[in-house]
Each structure stands twice: as structure tokens, then as C-alpha cells.
Amino acid sequence: MTQRNPQVHQDVLHVLDEVLSLGGRARSFSAQTPLLGAIPELDSMAVVSLLTAFEEQLGVAVDDDEVDGNIFATVGSLVDFVQGKLHA
């Protein structure tokens, strides 16, 4: 695994907070914070909204066949995915 870019981490937290309407709660999330199944606001429709927001705000292109639950397991796994897409 490559080292996580702190800016990408902050960008992901910003998108999570904005799309899920967390009211700033995402600022306290660490890389180990569980997402899918742990945050009630993160349902299947929210996953689609998050992917759309990453595409629009960060320029990340995501194919449907790339998406699985492991990406949304933790903040760290989501940051790793987004960072990988940014450098692809």
C-alpha cells in the first residue's frame, strides 16, 4: 500500500460529511473508522451519491464493476481507493 496523502484524506472526509449530511462529524474520523454498516446515513443510495461526488469534485472516474463493499469498509479503505483512482 502506498502512503496515504493527507490532502486526499481531508477531501474524502469533506465529501463524506457533505454528501451524508454529517454536520461536521466526519472531521473526527480516522483511517480506522468503520463506514458501511456503522454509519446509518451510508446506505446504497448514499454510496451512489458519494461516487458521483468523487467524480464531480475530485475528478475520479469509477466504473460500476470496480465498486464493492470493501471500498467502503473504513475511511482508510475509501481513501486508498480514491487515491488510487487519482493516480491511475
PDB file of N, CA and C in Angstrom:
ATOM      1  N   MET A   1       0.849  -1.193   0.000  1.00  0.00           N
ATOM      2  CA  MET A   1       0.000   0.000   0.000  1.00  0.00           C
ATOM      3  C   MET A   1       0.885   1.243   0.000  1.00  0.00           C
ATOM      4  N   THR A   2       0.526   2.208  -0.805  1.00  0.00           N
ATOM      5  CA  THR A   2       1.236   3.476  -0.812  1.00  0.00           C
ATOM      6  C   THR A   2       0.815   4.296   0.399  1.00  0.00           C
ATOM      7  N   GLN A   3       1.664   5.234   0.747  1.00  0.00           N
ATOM      8  CA  GLN A   3       1.348   6.114   1.861  1.00  0.00           C
ATOM      9  C   GLN A   3       0.149   6.987   1.503  1.00  0.00           C
ATOM     10  N   ARG A   4      -0.725   7.168   2.481  1.00  0.00           N
ATOM     11  CA  ARG A   4      -1.914   7.993   2.246  1.00  0.00           C
ATOM     12  C   ARG A   4      -1.543   9.466   2.179  1.00  0.00           C
ATOM     13  N   ASN A   5      -2.116  10.127   1.189  1.00  0.00           N
ATOM     14  CA  ASN A   5      -1.934  11.559   1.022  1.00  0.00           C
ATOM     15  C   ASN A   5      -2.894  12.266   1.980  1.00  0.00           C
ATOM     16  N   PRO A   6      -2.369  13.100   2.898  1.00  0.00           N
ATOM     17  CA  PRO A   6      -3.252  13.790   3.854  1.00  0.00           C
ATOM     18  C   PRO A   6      -4.322  14.648   3.175  1.00  0.00           C
ATOM     19  N   GLN A   7      -4.005  15.234   2.019  1.00  0.00           N
ATOM     20  CA  GLN A   7      -4.990  16.065   1.322  1.00  0.00           C
ATOM     21  C   GLN A   7      -6.130  15.207   0.795  1.00  0.00           C
ATOM     22  N   VAL A   8      -5.815  14.036   0.259  1.00  0.00           N
ATOM     23  CA  VAL A   8      -6.862  13.127  -0.230  1.00  0.00           C
ATOM     24  C   VAL A   8      -7.735  12.689   0.941  1.00  0.00           C
ATOM     25  N   HIS A   9      -7.104  12.401   2.079  1.00  0.00           N
ATOM     26  CA  HIS A   9      -7.859  12.021   3.283  1.00  0.00           C
ATOM     27  C   HIS A   9      -8.846  13.132   3.650  1.00  0.00           C
ATOM     28  N   GLN A  10      -8.372  14.373   3.677  1.00  0.00           N
ATOM     29  CA  GLN A  10      -9.244  15.504   4.011  1.00  0.00           C
ATOM     30  C   GLN A  10     -10.351  15.694   2.973  1.00  0.00           C
ATOM     31  N   ASP A  11     -10.015  15.519   1.695  1.00  0.00           N
ATOM     32  CA  ASP A  11     -11.016  15.644   0.634  1.00  0.00           C
ATOM     33  C   ASP A  11     -12.115  14.588   0.787  1.00  0.00           C
ATOM     34  N   VAL A  12     -11.708  13.357   1.101  1.00  0.00           N
ATOM     35  CA  VAL A  12     -12.681  12.277   1.286  1.00  0.00           C
ATOM     36  C   VAL A  12     -13.578  12.580   2.488  1.00  0.00           C
ATOM     37  N   LEU A  13     -12.986  13.044   3.584  1.00  0.00           N
ATOM     38  CA  LEU A  13     -13.788  13.401   4.762  1.00  0.00           C
ATOM     39  C   LEU A  13     -14.774  14.511   4.437  1.00  0.00           C
ATOM     40  N   HIS A  14     -14.329  15.495   3.662  1.00  0.00           N
ATOM     41  CA  HIS A  14     -15.212  16.603   3.270  1.00  0.00           C
ATOM     42  C   HIS A  14     -16.403  16.077   2.458  1.00  0.00           C
ATOM     43  N   VAL A  15     -16.124  15.217   1.489  1.00  0.00           N
ATOM     44  CA  VAL A  15     -17.205  14.669   0.655  1.00  0.00           C
ATOM     45  C   VAL A  15     -18.143  13.812   1.506  1.00  0.00           C
ATOM     46  N   LEU A  16     -17.593  12.982   2.382  1.00  0.00           N
ATOM     47  CA  LEU A  16     -18.438  12.169   3.274  1.00  0.00           C
ATOM     48  C   LEU A  16     -19.358  13.065   4.095  1.00  0.00           C
ATOM     49  N   ASP A  17     -18.786  14.102   4.698  1.00  0.00           N
ATOM     50  CA  ASP A  17     -19.559  14.999   5.548  1.00  0.00           C
ATOM     51  C   ASP A  17     -20.658  15.700   4.764  1.00  0.00           C
ATOM     52  N   GLU A  18     -20.307  16.157   3.573  1.00  0.00           N
ATOM     53  CA  GLU A  18     -21.249  16.901   2.743  1.00  0.00           C
ATOM     54  C   GLU A  18     -22.371  16.002   2.208  1.00  0.00           C
ATOM     55  N   VAL A  19     -22.005  14.887   1.602  1.00  0.00           N
ATOM     56  CA  VAL A  19     -22.998  14.010   0.958  1.00  0.00           C
ATOM     57  C   VAL A  19     -23.898  13.332   1.981  1.00  0.00           C
ATOM     58  N   LEU A  20     -23.320  12.919   3.111  1.00  0.00           N
ATOM     59  CA  LEU A  20     -24.112  12.212   4.123  1.00  0.00           C
ATOM     60  C   LEU A  20     -24.751  13.160   5.138  1.00  0.00           C
ATOM     61  N   SER A  21     -24.547  14.472   4.976  1.00  0.00           N
ATOM     62  CA  SER A  21     -25.095  15.477   5.902  1.00  0.00           C
ATOM     63  C   SER A  21     -24.745  15.143   7.346  1.00  0.00           C
ATOM     64  N   LEU A  22     -23.452  14.957   7.615  1.00  0.00           N
ATOM     65  CA  LEU A  22     -22.999  14.551   8.943  1.00  0.00           C
ATOM     66  C   LEU A  22     -22.766  15.728   9.878  1.00  0.00           C
ATOM     67  N   GLY A  23     -22.917  16.939   9.390  1.00  0.00           N
ATOM     68  CA  GLY A  23     -22.799  18.115  10.249  1.00  0.00           C
ATOM     69  C   GLY A  23     -21.440  18.263  10.909  1.00  0.00           C
ATOM     70  N   GLY A  24     -20.387  17.887  10.206  1.00  0.00           N
ATOM     71  CA  GLY A  24     -19.038  18.037  10.742  1.00  0.00           C
ATOM     72  C   GLY A  24     -18.497  16.805  11.449  1.00  0.00           C
ATOM     73  N   ARG A  25     -19.318  15.779  11.634  1.00  0.00           N
ATOM     74  CA  ARG A  25     -18.862  14.570  12.339  1.00  0.00           C
ATOM     75  C   ARG A  25     -17.687  13.903  11.645  1.00  0.00           C
ATOM     76  N   ALA A  26     -17.619  13.991  10.318  1.00  0.00           N
ATOM     77  CA  ALA A  26     -16.557  13.303   9.579  1.00  0.00           C
ATOM     78  C   ALA A  26     -15.170  13.846   9.910  1.00  0.00           C
ATOM     79  N   ARG A  27     -15.090  15.065  10.395  1.00  0.00           N
ATOM     80  CA  ARG A  27     -13.777  15.644  10.732  1.00  0.00           C
ATOM     81  C   ARG A  27     -13.050  14.824  11.796  1.00  0.00           C
ATOM     82  N   SER A  28     -13.797  14.118  12.624  1.00  0.00           N
ATOM     83  CA  SER A  28     -13.177  13.324  13.693  1.00  0.00           C
ATOM     84  C   SER A  28     -12.883  11.888  13.260  1.00  0.00           C
ATOM     85  N   PHE A  29     -13.186  11.534  12.013  1.00  0.00           N
ATOM     86  CA  PHE A  29     -12.963  10.167  11.543  1.00  0.00           C
ATOM     87  C   PHE A  29     -11.479   9.921  11.282  1.00  0.00           C
ATOM     88  N   SER A  30     -10.998   8.769  11.723  1.00  0.00           N
ATOM     89  CA  SER A  30      -9.631   8.348  11.420  1.00  0.00           C
ATOM     90  C   SER A  30      -9.674   7.319  10.295  1.00  0.00           C
ATOM     91  N   ALA A  31      -8.519   6.878   9.849  1.00  0.00           N
ATOM     92  CA  ALA A  31      -8.455   5.867   8.785  1.00  0.00           C
ATOM     93  C   ALA A  31      -9.130   4.567   9.224  1.00  0.00           C
ATOM     94  N   GLN A  32      -9.155   4.299  10.525  1.00  0.00           N
ATOM     95  CA  GLN A  32      -9.753   3.056  11.037  1.00  0.00           C
ATOM     96  C   GLN A  32     -11.254   3.148  11.280  1.00  0.00           C
ATOM     97  N   THR A  33     -11.842   4.318  11.112  1.00  0.00           N
ATOM     98  CA  THR A  33     -13.278   4.484  11.363  1.00  0.00           C
ATOM     99  C   THR A  33     -14.078   3.628  10.389  1.00  0.00           C
ATOM    100  N   PRO A  34     -14.917   2.713  10.919  1.00  0.00           N
ATOM    101  CA  PRO A  34     -15.750   1.895  10.035  1.00  0.00           C
ATOM    102  C   PRO A  34     -16.844   2.733   9.383  1.00  0.00           C
ATOM    103  N   LEU A  35     -17.173   2.392   8.146  1.00  0.00           N
ATOM    104  CA  LEU A  35     -18.199   3.132   7.408  1.00  0.00           C
ATOM    105  C   LEU A  35     -19.433   2.276   7.174  1.00  0.00           C
ATOM    106  N   LEU A  36     -19.381   1.411   6.174  1.00  0.00           N
ATOM    107  CA  LEU A  36     -20.550   0.624   5.774  1.00  0.00           C
ATOM    108  C   LEU A  36     -21.018  -0.247   6.933  1.00  0.00           C
ATOM    109  N   GLY A  37     -22.258  -0.076   7.337  1.00  0.00           N
ATOM    110  CA  GLY A  37     -22.812  -0.817   8.458  1.00  0.00           C
ATOM    111  C   GLY A  37     -22.637  -0.114   9.782  1.00  0.00           C
ATOM    112  N   ALA A  38     -21.774   0.893   9.844  1.00  0.00           N
ATOM    113  CA  ALA A  38     -21.521   1.608  11.094  1.00  0.00           C
ATOM    114  C   ALA A  38     -22.121   3.004  11.100  1.00  0.00           C
ATOM    115  N   ILE A  39     -22.296   3.577   9.917  1.00  0.00           N
ATOM    116  CA  ILE A  39     -22.875   4.916   9.804  1.00  0.00           C
ATOM    117  C   ILE A  39     -24.244   4.774   9.137  1.00  0.00           C
ATOM    118  N   PRO A  40     -25.317   5.027   9.889  1.00  0.00           N
ATOM    119  CA  PRO A  40     -26.666   4.810   9.340  1.00  0.00           C
ATOM    120  C   PRO A  40     -26.934   5.590   8.051  1.00  0.00           C
ATOM    121  N   GLU A  41     -26.302   6.756   7.909  1.00  0.00           N
ATOM    122  CA  GLU A  41     -26.535   7.574   6.719  1.00  0.00           C
ATOM    123  C   GLU A  41     -25.948   6.954   5.453  1.00  0.00           C
ATOM    124  N   LEU A  42     -25.039   5.990   5.616  1.00  0.00           N
ATOM    125  CA  LEU A  42     -24.366   5.376   4.462  1.00  0.00           C
ATOM    126  C   LEU A  42     -25.133   4.130   4.025  1.00  0.00           C
ATOM    127  N   ASP A  43     -26.131   4.364   3.168  1.00  0.00           N
ATOM    128  CA  ASP A  43     -26.903   3.259   2.592  1.00  0.00           C
ATOM    129  C   ASP A  43     -26.549   3.148   1.111  1.00  0.00           C
ATOM    130  N   SER A  44     -27.234   2.279   0.400  1.00  0.00           N
ATOM    131  CA  SER A  44     -26.888   2.043  -1.006  1.00  0.00           C
ATOM    132  C   SER A  44     -27.051   3.294  -1.865  1.00  0.00           C
ATOM    133  N   MET A  45     -28.056   4.100  -1.593  1.00  0.00           N
ATOM    134  CA  MET A  45     -28.233   5.337  -2.358  1.00  0.00           C
ATOM    135  C   MET A  45     -27.122   6.333  -2.031  1.00  0.00           C
ATOM    136  N   ALA A  46     -26.676   6.354  -0.786  1.00  0.00           N
ATOM    137  CA  ALA A  46     -25.593   7.251  -0.395  1.00  0.00           C
ATOM    138  C   ALA A  46     -24.284   6.845  -1.064  1.00  0.00           C
ATOM    139  N   VAL A  47     -24.077   5.541  -1.255  1.00  0.00           N
ATOM    140  CA  VAL A  47     -22.869   5.074  -1.952  1.00  0.00           C
ATOM    141  C   VAL A  47     -22.838   5.654  -3.365  1.00  0.00           C
ATOM    142  N   VAL A  48     -23.966   5.598  -4.056  1.00  0.00           N
ATOM    143  CA  VAL A  48     -24.054   6.157  -5.408  1.00  0.00           C
ATOM    144  C   VAL A  48     -23.788   7.658  -5.377  1.00  0.00           C
ATOM    145  N   SER A  49     -24.364   8.349  -4.414  1.00  0.00           N
ATOM    146  CA  SER A  49     -24.154   9.796  -4.283  1.00  0.00           C
ATOM    147  C   SER A  49     -22.692  10.121  -3.989  1.00  0.00           C
ATOM    148  N   LEU A  50     -22.057   9.318  -3.146  1.00  0.00           N
ATOM    149  CA  LEU A  50     -20.639   9.537  -2.844  1.00  0.00           C
ATOM    150  C   LEU A  50     -19.776   9.363  -4.080  1.00  0.00           C
ATOM    151  N   LEU A  51     -20.026   8.295  -4.830  1.00  0.00           N
ATOM    152  CA  LEU A  51     -19.237   8.054  -6.044  1.00  0.00           C
ATOM    153  C   LEU A  51     -19.410   9.187  -7.043  1.00  0.00           C
ATOM    154  N   THR A  52     -20.635   9.683  -7.175  1.00  0.00           N
ATOM    155  CA  THR A  52     -20.900  10.818  -8.059  1.00  0.00           C
ATOM    156  C   THR A  52     -20.152  12.059  -7.572  1.00  0.00           C
ATOM    157  N   ALA A  53     -20.168  12.301  -6.273  1.00  0.00           N
ATOM    158  CA  ALA A  53     -19.471  13.462  -5.708  1.00  0.00           C
ATOM    159  C   ALA A  53     -17.963  13.351  -5.915  1.00  0.00           C
ATOM    160  N   PHE A  54     -17.404  12.148  -5.755  1.00  0.00           N
ATOM    161  CA  PHE A  54     -15.967  11.974  -6.005  1.00  0.00           C
ATOM    162  C   PHE A  54     -15.637  12.270  -7.467  1.00  0.00           C
ATOM    163  N   GLU A  55     -16.516  11.836  -8.363  1.00  0.00           N
ATOM    164  CA  GLU A  55     -16.298  12.106  -9.784  1.00  0.00           C
ATOM    165  C   GLU A  55     -16.361  13.602 -10.067  1.00  0.00           C
ATOM    166  N   GLU A  56     -17.366  14.282  -9.516  1.00  0.00           N
ATOM    167  CA  GLU A  56     -17.561  15.703  -9.795  1.00  0.00           C
ATOM    168  C   GLU A  56     -16.541  16.598  -9.087  1.00  0.00           C
ATOM    169  N   GLN A  57     -16.249  16.303  -7.827  1.00  0.00           N
ATOM    170  CA  GLN A  57     -15.402  17.199  -7.037  1.00  0.00           C
ATOM    171  C   GLN A  57     -13.912  16.886  -7.138  1.00  0.00           C
ATOM    172  N   LEU A  58     -13.577  15.609  -7.352  1.00  0.00           N
ATOM    173  CA  LEU A  58     -12.167  15.226  -7.354  1.00  0.00           C
ATOM    174  C   LEU A  58     -11.691  14.729  -8.712  1.00  0.00           C
ATOM    175  N   GLY A  59     -12.609  14.599  -9.663  1.00  0.00           N
ATOM    176  CA  GLY A  59     -12.226  14.135 -10.990  1.00  0.00           C
ATOM    177  C   GLY A  59     -11.908  12.656 -11.062  1.00  0.00           C
ATOM    178  N   VAL A  60     -12.466  11.885 -10.145  1.00  0.00           N
ATOM    179  CA  VAL A  60     -12.228  10.445 -10.084  1.00  0.00           C
ATOM    180  C   VAL A  60     -13.273   9.731 -10.934  1.00  0.00           C
ATOM    181  N   ALA A  61     -12.820   8.932 -11.899  1.00  0.00           N
ATOM    182  CA  ALA A  61     -13.743   8.150 -12.729  1.00  0.00           C
ATOM    183  C   ALA A  61     -13.838   6.739 -12.157  1.00  0.00           C
ATOM    184  N   VAL A  62     -15.059   6.299 -11.850  1.00  0.00           N
ATOM    185  CA  VAL A  62     -15.273   4.989 -11.240  1.00  0.00           C
ATOM    186  C   VAL A  62     -16.200   4.168 -12.129  1.00  0.00           C
ATOM    187  N   ASP A  63     -15.735   2.982 -12.515  1.00  0.00           N
ATOM    188  CA  ASP A  63     -16.570   2.056 -13.275  1.00  0.00           C
ATOM    189  C   ASP A  63     -17.404   1.230 -12.311  1.00  0.00           C
ATOM    190  N   ASP A  64     -18.629   0.867 -12.732  1.00  0.00           N
ATOM    191  CA  ASP A  64     -19.525   0.097 -11.874  1.00  0.00           C
ATOM    192  C   ASP A  64     -18.881  -1.193 -11.362  1.00  0.00           C
ATOM    193  N   ASP A  65     -18.092  -1.867 -12.219  1.00  0.00           N
ATOM    194  CA  ASP A  65     -17.514  -3.148 -11.823  1.00  0.00           C
ATOM    195  C   ASP A  65     -16.362  -3.011 -10.822  1.00  0.00           C
ATOM    196  N   GLU A  66     -15.953  -1.786 -10.518  1.00  0.00           N
ATOM    197  CA  GLU A  66     -14.895  -1.553  -9.529  1.00  0.00           C
ATOM    198  C   GLU A  66     -15.446  -1.429  -8.115  1.00  0.00           C
ATOM    199  N   VAL A  67     -16.736  -1.260  -7.979  1.00  0.00           N
ATOM    200  CA  VAL A  67     -17.334  -0.934  -6.694  1.00  0.00           C
ATOM    201  C   VAL A  67     -17.762  -2.197  -5.961  1.00  0.00           C
ATOM    202  N   ASP A  68     -17.244  -2.337  -4.740  1.00  0.00           N
ATOM    203  CA  ASP A  68     -17.735  -3.390  -3.860  1.00  0.00           C
ATOM    204  C   ASP A  68     -17.689  -2.885  -2.416  1.00  0.00           C
ATOM    205  N   GLY A  69     -18.242  -3.648  -1.518  1.00  0.00           N
ATOM    206  CA  GLY A  69     -18.348  -3.223  -0.127  1.00  0.00           C
ATOM    207  C   GLY A  69     -17.022  -2.976   0.557  1.00  0.00           C
ATOM    208  N   ASN A  70     -15.953  -3.650   0.099  1.00  0.00           N
ATOM    209  CA  ASN A  70     -14.646  -3.482   0.734  1.00  0.00           C
ATOM    210  C   ASN A  70     -14.136  -2.053   0.624  1.00  0.00           C
ATOM    211  N   ILE A  71     -14.505  -1.361  -0.441  1.00  0.00           N
ATOM    212  CA  ILE A  71     -14.080   0.033  -0.621  1.00  0.00           C
ATOM    213  C   ILE A  71     -14.619   0.896   0.507  1.00  0.00           C
ATOM    214  N   PHE A  72     -15.827   0.591   0.948  1.00  0.00           N
ATOM    215  CA  PHE A  72     -16.498   1.402   1.965  1.00  0.00           C
ATOM    216  C   PHE A  72     -16.413   0.786   3.363  1.00  0.00           C
ATOM    217  N   ALA A  73     -15.462  -0.120   3.583  1.00  0.00           N
ATOM    218  CA  ALA A  73     -15.319  -0.765   4.891  1.00  0.00           C
ATOM    219  C   ALA A  73     -14.884   0.237   5.957  1.00  0.00           C
ATOM    220  N   THR A  74     -13.859   1.017   5.649  1.00  0.00           N
ATOM    221  CA  THR A  74     -13.334   2.014   6.588  1.00  0.00           C
ATOM    222  C   THR A  74     -13.006   3.299   5.818  1.00  0.00           C
ATOM    223  N   VAL A  75     -12.752   4.349   6.566  1.00  0.00           N
ATOM    224  CA  VAL A  75     -12.305   5.594   5.935  1.00  0.00           C
ATOM    225  C   VAL A  75     -11.005   5.325   5.176  1.00  0.00           C
ATOM    226  N   GLY A  76     -10.102   4.563   5.762  1.00  0.00           N
ATOM    227  CA  GLY A  76      -8.828   4.272   5.129  1.00  0.00           C
ATOM    228  C   GLY A  76      -8.974   3.537   3.806  1.00  0.00           C
ATOM    229  N   SER A  77      -9.875   2.552   3.760  1.00  0.00           N
ATOM    230  CA  SER A  77     -10.066   1.812   2.503  1.00  0.00           C
ATOM    231  C   SER A  77     -10.659   2.716   1.431  1.00  0.00           C
ATOM    232  N   LEU A  78     -11.523   3.635   1.833  1.00  0.00           N
ATOM    233  CA  LEU A  78     -12.110   4.578   0.879  1.00  0.00           C
ATOM    234  C   LEU A  78     -11.060   5.576   0.387  1.00  0.00           C
ATOM    235  N   VAL A  79     -10.234   6.073   1.300  1.00  0.00           N
ATOM    236  CA  VAL A  79      -9.157   6.996   0.919  1.00  0.00           C
ATOM    237  C   VAL A  79      -8.188   6.289  -0.031  1.00  0.00           C
ATOM    238  N   ASP A  80      -7.824   5.049   0.282  1.00  0.00           N
ATOM    239  CA  ASP A  80      -6.914   4.291  -0.583  1.00  0.00           C
ATOM    240  C   ASP A  80      -7.494   4.140  -1.987  1.00  0.00           C
ATOM    241  N   PHE A  81      -8.793   3.849  -2.067  1.00  0.00           N
ATOM    242  CA  PHE A  81      -9.449   3.692  -3.365  1.00  0.00           C
ATOM    243  C   PHE A  81      -9.402   5.002  -4.155  1.00  0.00           C
ATOM    244  N   VAL A  82      -9.813   6.090  -3.512  1.00  0.00           N
ATOM    245  CA  VAL A  82      -9.837   7.397  -4.188  1.00  0.00           C
ATOM    246  C   VAL A  82      -8.425   7.802  -4.598  1.00  0.00           C
ATOM    247  N   GLN A  83      -7.465   7.620  -3.710  1.00  0.00           N
ATOM    248  CA  GLN A  83      -6.082   7.985  -4.018  1.00  0.00           C
ATOM    249  C   GLN A  83      -5.584   7.156  -5.209  1.00  0.00           C
ATOM    250  N   GLY A  84      -5.909   5.873  -5.238  1.00  0.00           N
ATOM    251  CA  GLY A  84      -5.514   5.029  -6.363  1.00  0.00           C
ATOM    252  C   GLY A  84      -6.123   5.494  -7.670  1.00  0.00           C
ATOM    253  N   LYS A  85      -7.364   5.940  -7.619  1.00  0.00           N
ATOM    254  CA  LYS A  85      -8.044   6.442  -8.835  1.00  0.00           C
ATOM    255  C   LYS A  85      -7.432   7.767  -9.286  1.00  0.00           C
ATOM    256  N   LEU A  86      -7.008   8.584  -8.354  1.00  0.00           N
ATOM    257  CA  LEU A  86      -6.402   9.871  -8.701  1.00  0.00           C
ATOM    258  C   LEU A  86      -5.055   9.679  -9.394  1.00  0.00           C
ATOM    259  N   HIS A  87      -4.376   8.599  -9.071  1.00  0.00           N
ATOM    260  CA  HIS A  87      -3.053   8.359  -9.623  1.00  0.00           C
ATOM    261  C   HIS A  87      -3.058   7.316 -10.725  1.00  0.00           C
ATOM    262  N   ALA A  88      -4.242   6.936 -11.176  1.00  0.00           N
ATOM    263  CA  ALA A  88      -4.347   5.916 -12.235  1.00  0.00           C
ATOM    264  C   ALA A  88      -4.109   6.528 -13.606  1.00  0.00           C
TER     265      ALA A  88
END
